[in-house]
Amino acid sequence: MLASVKPLASWKGQDRYFGEVLPSLTGIFLSGGCSWNRCRMCGYKNDRNSCASRDELITHMNAQIAWISENFSAGEYGLGKIFTSGSVFDPNEVPLEVLDSFGNLFAGKPVIAESRAEYVTEEALSRFLKTLDQGQAHPLTVAIGLETTNDAIREKSIDKGFSFADFIRAADVCHEAGVGVKAYLMMKPLFLTENEALLDMQTSIAEAAPYADMISMNLCTVQGRTEVEQYWQRGSFRPPYLWSAVKVLLEANVPVACDPVGGGFRRGPHNCGTCDKEIVAAINAYSLSADKSELQKVWDEGCSCREEWEYVLENEFSWNMPLTQ
């Protein structure tokens, strides 16, 4: 039996879950690797287990789960969050036996598990719920990286490999099984101007809201060994302004969570450097409380760089990309 080994990452935090703020435990587990493995901005596709067989993969993933069990007591958190390099419900990446182990680990607690739309099936959900569901409220929510409701942007700027219709189908499967849906949206993937990215995010929130119980806006960061990094290194990509995120959150008609990873740094969403820290803090506070007062405060205080952002919105033009080769 393989000794317990650390997951790729794990940490405790707080998350808003169906209107309630819960202490959370997040685990990112080294799996068999994302089967799609083509998204332009994703650095996790570089993380895949080198196990020679399915049995070895099961053993290695169960060892990571054992490490979580040994290092975090059940009383420390009220919500579990499971991430892998791709999809928790892809049986080639996470064998069904490992899905059972996850259910046993978090049994009796609500869980958010990330998956691509095509792996969300009635069979996978019922298998997980069999061990996980012990009568807790909202035992499972599936988080799906929809990124945008615009199929053209999702295909050309992200290379995601599924459509908005596929997301809707997966959401219907979840809701029929009594499972929640969380939509991850991506602000400013490749090839969009700041204004195009802002408008796309506003449209995507409105169009995804009828199908998602929760929406999270991810601000594009420059992860290592990605296509986004290649463009960024040539000066052809800039992560979104924090001002764009604040504007979207203030104007959204539904609560939208946002964790500005890398906020204030060149590889992450940033403004001028002077106002970044305060704005990141306001975004994080809003994500937990759904109270827009802190966002409104930083918006009203402003900064000299907001004029630059407004100029960019008005004058930045998109690339003229050929439609055919």
Protein backbone atom coordinates (compact mmCIF):
# COMPACT_ATOMS: atom_id res chain seq x y z
CA MET A 1 0.00 0.00 0.00
CA LEU A 2 1.42 3.38 -1.04
CA ALA A 3 2.02 5.74 1.87
CA SER A 4 -0.19 8.82 1.90
CA VAL A 5 1.11 11.58 -0.37
CA LYS A 6 0.22 15.24 -0.59
CA PRO A 7 -2.27 16.46 -3.18
CA LEU A 8 -1.04 19.15 -5.56
CA ALA A 9 -2.46 21.75 -3.14
CA SER A 10 -4.88 22.00 -0.24
CA TRP A 11 -6.07 24.85 1.95
CA LYS A 12 -8.79 26.04 4.26
CA GLY A 13 -10.86 29.12 3.50
CA GLN A 14 -14.40 30.43 3.37
CA ASP A 15 -16.98 30.15 0.62
CA ARG A 16 -20.52 31.34 0.04
CA TYR A 17 -22.69 28.28 -0.62
CA PHE A 18 -26.41 28.68 -1.31
CA GLY A 19 -26.44 31.96 0.60
CA GLU A 20 -24.50 30.68 3.62
CA VAL A 21 -20.83 31.39 4.38
CA LEU A 22 -19.11 28.11 5.28
CA PRO A 23 -15.56 27.22 6.30
CA SER A 24 -14.20 25.27 3.35
CA LEU A 25 -11.46 22.80 2.53
CA THR A 26 -10.13 22.82 -1.02
CA GLY A 27 -8.09 19.99 -2.48
CA ILE A 28 -6.43 19.88 -5.90
CA PHE A 29 -5.61 16.25 -6.61
CA LEU A 30 -3.11 14.82 -9.06
CA SER A 31 -5.22 12.65 -11.34
CA GLY A 32 -4.89 10.80 -14.62
CA GLY A 33 -4.93 14.17 -16.38
CA CYS A 34 -7.48 16.16 -18.32
CA SER A 35 -8.78 14.19 -21.31
CA TRP A 36 -9.36 17.37 -23.34
CA ASN A 37 -6.09 19.07 -22.41
CA ARG A 38 -6.35 21.93 -24.92
CA CYS A 39 -7.63 25.06 -23.15
CA ARG A 40 -5.35 27.94 -24.02
CA MET A 41 -5.17 29.50 -20.54
CA CYS A 42 -5.00 26.38 -18.35
CA GLY A 43 -1.76 25.44 -16.61
CA TYR A 44 -3.30 22.45 -14.81
CA LYS A 45 -3.15 20.42 -18.02
CA ASN A 46 0.56 20.08 -17.28
CA ASP A 47 -0.27 18.15 -14.09
CA ARG A 48 -0.97 14.50 -14.80
CA ASN A 49 -0.11 11.29 -13.00
CA SER A 50 2.51 9.06 -14.60
CA CYS A 51 1.02 5.88 -13.16
CA ALA A 52 1.54 2.89 -15.43
CA SER A 53 -1.84 1.28 -14.78
CA ARG A 54 -5.38 2.02 -13.64
CA ASP A 55 -4.79 0.17 -10.37
CA GLU A 56 -1.70 2.25 -9.70
CA LEU A 57 -3.67 5.44 -10.38
CA ILE A 58 -6.37 4.36 -7.93
CA THR A 59 -3.75 3.64 -5.28
CA HIS A 60 -2.00 6.98 -5.82
CA MET A 61 -5.20 9.03 -5.71
CA ASN A 62 -6.47 7.20 -2.64
CA ALA A 63 -3.14 8.00 -0.97
CA GLN A 64 -3.77 11.71 -1.57
CA ILE A 65 -7.26 11.39 -0.11
CA ALA A 66 -5.76 9.62 2.92
CA TRP A 67 -3.35 12.55 3.37
CA ILE A 68 -6.28 14.97 3.48
CA SER A 69 -8.04 12.79 6.05
CA GLU A 70 -4.92 12.63 8.20
CA ASN A 71 -4.15 16.35 8.08
CA PHE A 72 -7.61 17.96 8.30
CA SER A 73 -10.21 16.93 10.83
CA ALA A 74 -13.86 16.86 9.75
CA GLY A 75 -14.66 19.52 12.34
CA GLU A 76 -12.39 22.07 10.66
CA TYR A 77 -14.61 22.67 7.65
CA GLY A 78 -18.22 22.58 6.53
CA LEU A 79 -17.74 22.46 2.75
CA GLY A 80 -15.47 20.30 0.61
CA LYS A 81 -14.15 21.44 -2.77
CA ILE A 82 -12.61 18.87 -5.14
CA PHE A 83 -10.50 19.82 -8.15
CA THR A 84 -8.27 17.78 -10.46
CA SER A 85 -6.38 18.56 -13.65
CA GLY A 86 -9.67 18.27 -15.55
CA SER A 87 -12.90 16.56 -14.48
CA VAL A 88 -13.80 14.76 -11.27
CA PHE A 89 -16.48 12.80 -13.16
CA ASP A 90 -14.26 11.64 -16.04
CA PRO A 91 -13.81 7.92 -15.22
CA ASN A 92 -10.53 7.78 -17.15
CA GLU A 93 -9.10 10.61 -15.06
CA VAL A 94 -10.73 9.72 -11.73
CA PRO A 95 -11.67 6.02 -11.55
CA LEU A 96 -15.06 5.27 -10.01
CA GLU A 97 -13.39 3.63 -7.01
CA VAL A 98 -11.69 6.95 -6.26
CA LEU A 99 -15.04 8.72 -6.59
CA ASP A 100 -16.27 6.41 -3.82
CA SER A 101 -13.26 7.41 -1.69
CA PHE A 102 -14.07 11.10 -2.17
CA GLY A 103 -17.64 10.38 -1.10
CA ASN A 104 -16.46 8.64 2.04
CA LEU A 105 -14.01 11.45 2.84
CA PHE A 106 -16.66 14.18 2.68
CA ALA A 107 -19.69 12.11 3.70
CA GLY A 108 -22.30 14.28 5.42
CA LYS A 109 -20.81 17.56 4.13
CA PRO A 110 -21.78 19.53 1.02
CA VAL A 111 -19.24 19.27 -1.78
CA ILE A 112 -18.37 21.28 -4.90
CA ALA A 113 -16.74 19.10 -7.55
CA GLU A 114 -15.44 20.41 -10.88
CA SER A 115 -16.16 18.68 -14.18
CA ARG A 116 -16.46 19.32 -17.88
CA ALA A 117 -20.04 19.19 -19.14
CA GLU A 118 -19.74 15.93 -21.10
CA TYR A 119 -18.90 13.89 -18.01
CA VAL A 120 -21.95 15.01 -16.04
CA THR A 121 -24.20 11.96 -16.20
CA GLU A 122 -26.96 10.57 -14.03
CA GLU A 123 -24.82 7.49 -13.35
CA ALA A 124 -21.79 9.48 -12.14
CA LEU A 125 -23.86 11.74 -9.91
CA SER A 126 -25.82 8.89 -8.32
CA ARG A 127 -22.61 6.95 -7.69
CA PHE A 128 -21.04 9.90 -5.86
CA LEU A 129 -24.20 10.74 -3.92
CA LYS A 130 -24.53 7.15 -2.70
CA THR A 131 -21.63 7.65 -0.29
CA LEU A 132 -21.66 11.45 0.02
CA ASP A 133 -25.32 12.22 0.74
CA GLN A 134 -26.25 11.71 4.36
CA GLY A 135 -29.14 14.14 4.47
CA GLN A 136 -27.13 17.39 4.39
CA ALA A 137 -28.58 20.40 2.59
CA HIS A 138 -27.42 20.65 -1.05
CA PRO A 139 -25.03 17.69 -0.76
CA LEU A 140 -23.41 18.21 -4.15
CA THR A 141 -22.82 21.03 -6.59
CA VAL A 142 -21.07 20.45 -9.90
CA ALA A 143 -18.84 23.31 -11.01
CA ILE A 144 -18.56 23.57 -14.80
CA GLY A 145 -16.10 25.81 -16.64
CA LEU A 146 -18.57 27.32 -19.07
CA GLU A 147 -16.25 30.36 -19.46
CA THR A 148 -18.69 32.26 -21.71
CA THR A 149 -22.12 31.75 -23.23
CA ASN A 150 -20.73 32.81 -26.61
CA ASP A 151 -19.84 29.63 -28.52
CA ALA A 152 -17.53 31.44 -30.95
CA ILE A 153 -15.45 32.99 -28.16
CA ARG A 154 -15.33 29.69 -26.29
CA GLU A 155 -14.06 27.91 -29.42
CA LYS A 156 -11.63 30.48 -30.80
CA SER A 157 -10.33 32.21 -27.66
CA ILE A 158 -10.32 29.23 -25.29
CA ASP A 159 -10.60 26.01 -27.36
CA LYS A 160 -12.91 24.56 -24.73
CA GLY A 161 -14.47 21.83 -26.82
CA PHE A 162 -18.13 22.05 -25.80
CA SER A 163 -21.07 24.37 -26.40
CA PHE A 164 -23.50 26.39 -24.31
CA ALA A 165 -26.12 23.79 -25.23
CA ASP A 166 -23.87 21.10 -23.72
CA PHE A 167 -23.71 23.13 -20.50
CA ILE A 168 -27.50 23.46 -20.41
CA ARG A 169 -27.85 19.70 -20.88
CA ALA A 170 -25.44 19.05 -17.99
CA ALA A 171 -27.28 21.57 -15.79
CA ASP A 172 -30.57 19.80 -16.51
CA VAL A 173 -29.03 16.44 -15.55
CA CYS A 174 -27.77 17.94 -12.30
CA HIS A 175 -31.05 19.55 -11.34
CA GLU A 176 -33.03 16.40 -12.15
CA ALA A 177 -30.71 14.55 -9.74
CA GLY A 178 -31.12 17.17 -7.01
CA VAL A 179 -27.59 18.45 -7.59
CA GLY A 180 -26.62 22.13 -7.76
CA VAL A 181 -24.79 23.83 -10.63
CA LYS A 182 -21.98 26.37 -10.41
CA ALA A 183 -20.90 28.11 -13.61
CA TYR A 184 -17.32 29.33 -13.92
CA LEU A 185 -17.01 32.24 -16.34
CA MET A 186 -13.72 33.59 -17.68
CA MET A 187 -13.12 37.31 -18.09
CA LYS A 188 -10.83 38.25 -20.97
CA PRO A 189 -9.57 35.10 -22.66
CA LEU A 190 -7.21 35.53 -25.60
CA PHE A 191 -7.96 37.82 -28.54
CA LEU A 192 -10.61 40.01 -26.84
CA THR A 193 -10.21 43.70 -26.16
CA GLU A 194 -10.93 44.95 -22.65
CA ASN A 195 -14.31 46.25 -23.73
CA GLU A 196 -15.21 43.06 -25.62
CA ALA A 197 -14.29 41.02 -22.54
CA LEU A 198 -16.37 43.24 -20.25
CA LEU A 199 -19.44 43.10 -22.50
CA ASP A 200 -19.09 39.33 -22.98
CA MET A 201 -18.97 38.81 -19.22
CA GLN A 202 -22.07 40.91 -18.66
CA THR A 203 -23.95 38.97 -21.34
CA SER A 204 -22.69 35.61 -20.08
CA ILE A 205 -23.81 36.27 -16.50
CA ALA A 206 -27.30 37.17 -17.67
CA GLU A 207 -27.56 34.17 -20.01
CA ALA A 208 -26.08 31.61 -17.59
CA ALA A 209 -28.09 32.71 -14.56
CA PRO A 210 -31.29 30.76 -15.44
CA TYR A 211 -29.31 27.49 -15.46
CA ALA A 212 -26.81 28.01 -12.63
CA ASP A 213 -27.40 28.13 -8.89
CA MET A 214 -24.09 29.95 -8.43
CA ILE A 215 -21.83 31.90 -10.78
CA SER A 216 -18.13 32.55 -10.31
CA MET A 217 -16.21 35.03 -12.46
CA ASN A 218 -12.59 34.03 -12.97
CA LEU A 219 -10.26 36.80 -14.11
CA CYS A 220 -7.77 35.43 -16.63
CA THR A 221 -4.26 35.02 -15.27
CA VAL A 222 -1.04 34.14 -17.07
CA GLN A 223 -0.18 30.60 -16.00
CA GLY A 224 3.13 29.01 -16.89
CA ARG A 225 3.57 26.85 -20.00
CA THR A 226 0.31 27.98 -21.58
CA GLU A 227 -0.59 29.58 -24.88
CA VAL A 228 -1.71 32.68 -22.98
CA GLU A 229 1.80 32.97 -21.55
CA GLN A 230 3.32 32.87 -25.04
CA TYR A 231 1.17 35.82 -26.17
CA TRP A 232 1.80 37.68 -22.89
CA GLN A 233 5.57 37.31 -23.22
CA ARG A 234 5.34 38.97 -26.65
CA GLY A 235 3.28 41.84 -25.29
CA SER A 236 0.17 40.59 -27.08
CA PHE A 237 -1.98 39.90 -24.01
CA ARG A 238 -2.79 41.83 -20.86
CA PRO A 239 -4.87 40.37 -18.01
CA PRO A 240 -8.08 42.30 -17.30
CA TYR A 241 -8.18 45.53 -15.37
CA LEU A 242 -9.62 45.23 -11.87
CA TRP A 243 -11.89 48.12 -12.82
CA SER A 244 -13.60 45.86 -15.35
CA ALA A 245 -14.29 43.29 -12.65
CA VAL A 246 -15.71 45.89 -10.28
CA LYS A 247 -18.00 47.29 -12.98
CA VAL A 248 -19.33 43.83 -13.86
CA LEU A 249 -19.94 42.89 -10.23
CA LEU A 250 -21.66 46.18 -9.44
CA GLU A 251 -24.02 45.91 -12.40
CA ALA A 252 -24.82 42.18 -12.17
CA ASN A 253 -28.41 41.36 -11.20
CA VAL A 254 -27.39 38.14 -9.44
CA PRO A 255 -24.64 37.46 -6.87
CA VAL A 256 -21.37 36.62 -8.63
CA ALA A 257 -18.38 35.28 -6.71
CA CYS A 258 -14.91 36.36 -7.77
CA ASP A 259 -11.50 35.39 -6.43
CA PRO A 260 -8.99 37.67 -8.21
CA VAL A 261 -6.06 35.23 -8.16
CA GLY A 262 -2.83 37.09 -8.76
CA GLY A 263 -4.62 40.41 -8.32
CA GLY A 264 -2.22 43.34 -8.44
CA PHE A 265 0.57 41.40 -10.16
CA ARG A 266 1.59 41.60 -13.84
CA ARG A 267 0.52 38.03 -14.51
CA GLY A 268 -2.84 38.60 -12.85
CA PRO A 269 -5.69 41.11 -13.07
CA HIS A 270 -4.31 44.50 -12.18
CA ASN A 271 -4.67 48.26 -12.40
CA CYS A 272 -1.83 50.68 -11.73
CA GLY A 273 -0.47 49.13 -8.52
CA THR A 274 -1.65 51.91 -6.22
CA CYS A 275 -5.29 50.91 -5.92
CA ASP A 276 -5.01 47.17 -6.58
CA LYS A 277 -4.75 45.85 -3.02
CA GLU A 278 -7.82 47.76 -1.84
CA ILE A 279 -9.89 46.67 -4.82
CA VAL A 280 -8.89 43.00 -4.46
CA ALA A 281 -9.94 43.14 -0.80
CA ALA A 282 -13.29 44.69 -1.75
CA ILE A 283 -13.93 41.99 -4.37
CA ASN A 284 -13.13 39.24 -1.88
CA ALA A 285 -15.40 40.80 0.75
CA TYR A 286 -18.25 41.06 -1.73
CA SER A 287 -17.83 37.44 -2.81
CA LEU A 288 -18.56 36.27 0.73
CA SER A 289 -21.24 38.78 1.73
CA ALA A 290 -22.93 39.61 -1.61
CA ASP A 291 -23.02 43.15 -0.21
CA LYS A 292 -21.95 45.64 -2.87
CA SER A 293 -21.18 48.48 -0.47
CA GLU A 294 -17.42 47.78 -0.38
CA LEU A 295 -17.33 47.58 -4.17
CA GLN A 296 -19.23 50.83 -4.44
CA LYS A 297 -16.81 52.45 -2.00
CA VAL A 298 -13.70 51.65 -4.06
CA TRP A 299 -15.54 52.62 -7.23
CA ASP A 300 -16.51 56.00 -5.79
CA GLU A 301 -13.00 56.61 -4.43
CA GLY A 302 -11.58 55.93 -7.88
CA CYS A 303 -7.93 56.29 -8.87
CA SER A 304 -6.00 58.18 -11.51
CA CYS A 305 -5.65 54.92 -13.49
CA ARG A 306 -9.40 54.68 -14.05
CA GLU A 307 -9.04 57.32 -16.76
CA GLU A 308 -6.50 55.05 -18.47
CA TRP A 309 -8.96 52.12 -18.22
CA GLU A 310 -11.75 54.22 -19.72
CA TYR A 311 -9.44 55.24 -22.58
CA VAL A 312 -8.60 51.56 -23.21
CA LEU A 313 -12.28 50.62 -23.28
CA GLU A 314 -12.94 53.21 -25.95
CA ASN A 315 -9.84 52.92 -28.11
CA GLU A 316 -8.52 49.35 -27.96
CA PHE A 317 -9.21 47.36 -31.14
CA SER A 318 -9.29 43.62 -31.62
CA TRP A 319 -6.89 41.64 -33.76
CA ASN A 320 -7.75 41.13 -37.42
CA MET A 321 -7.60 37.31 -37.44
CA PRO A 322 -8.13 35.33 -40.67
CA LEU A 323 -11.23 33.17 -40.66
CA THR A 324 -9.56 30.50 -42.83
CA GLN A 325 -6.07 29.11 -43.36
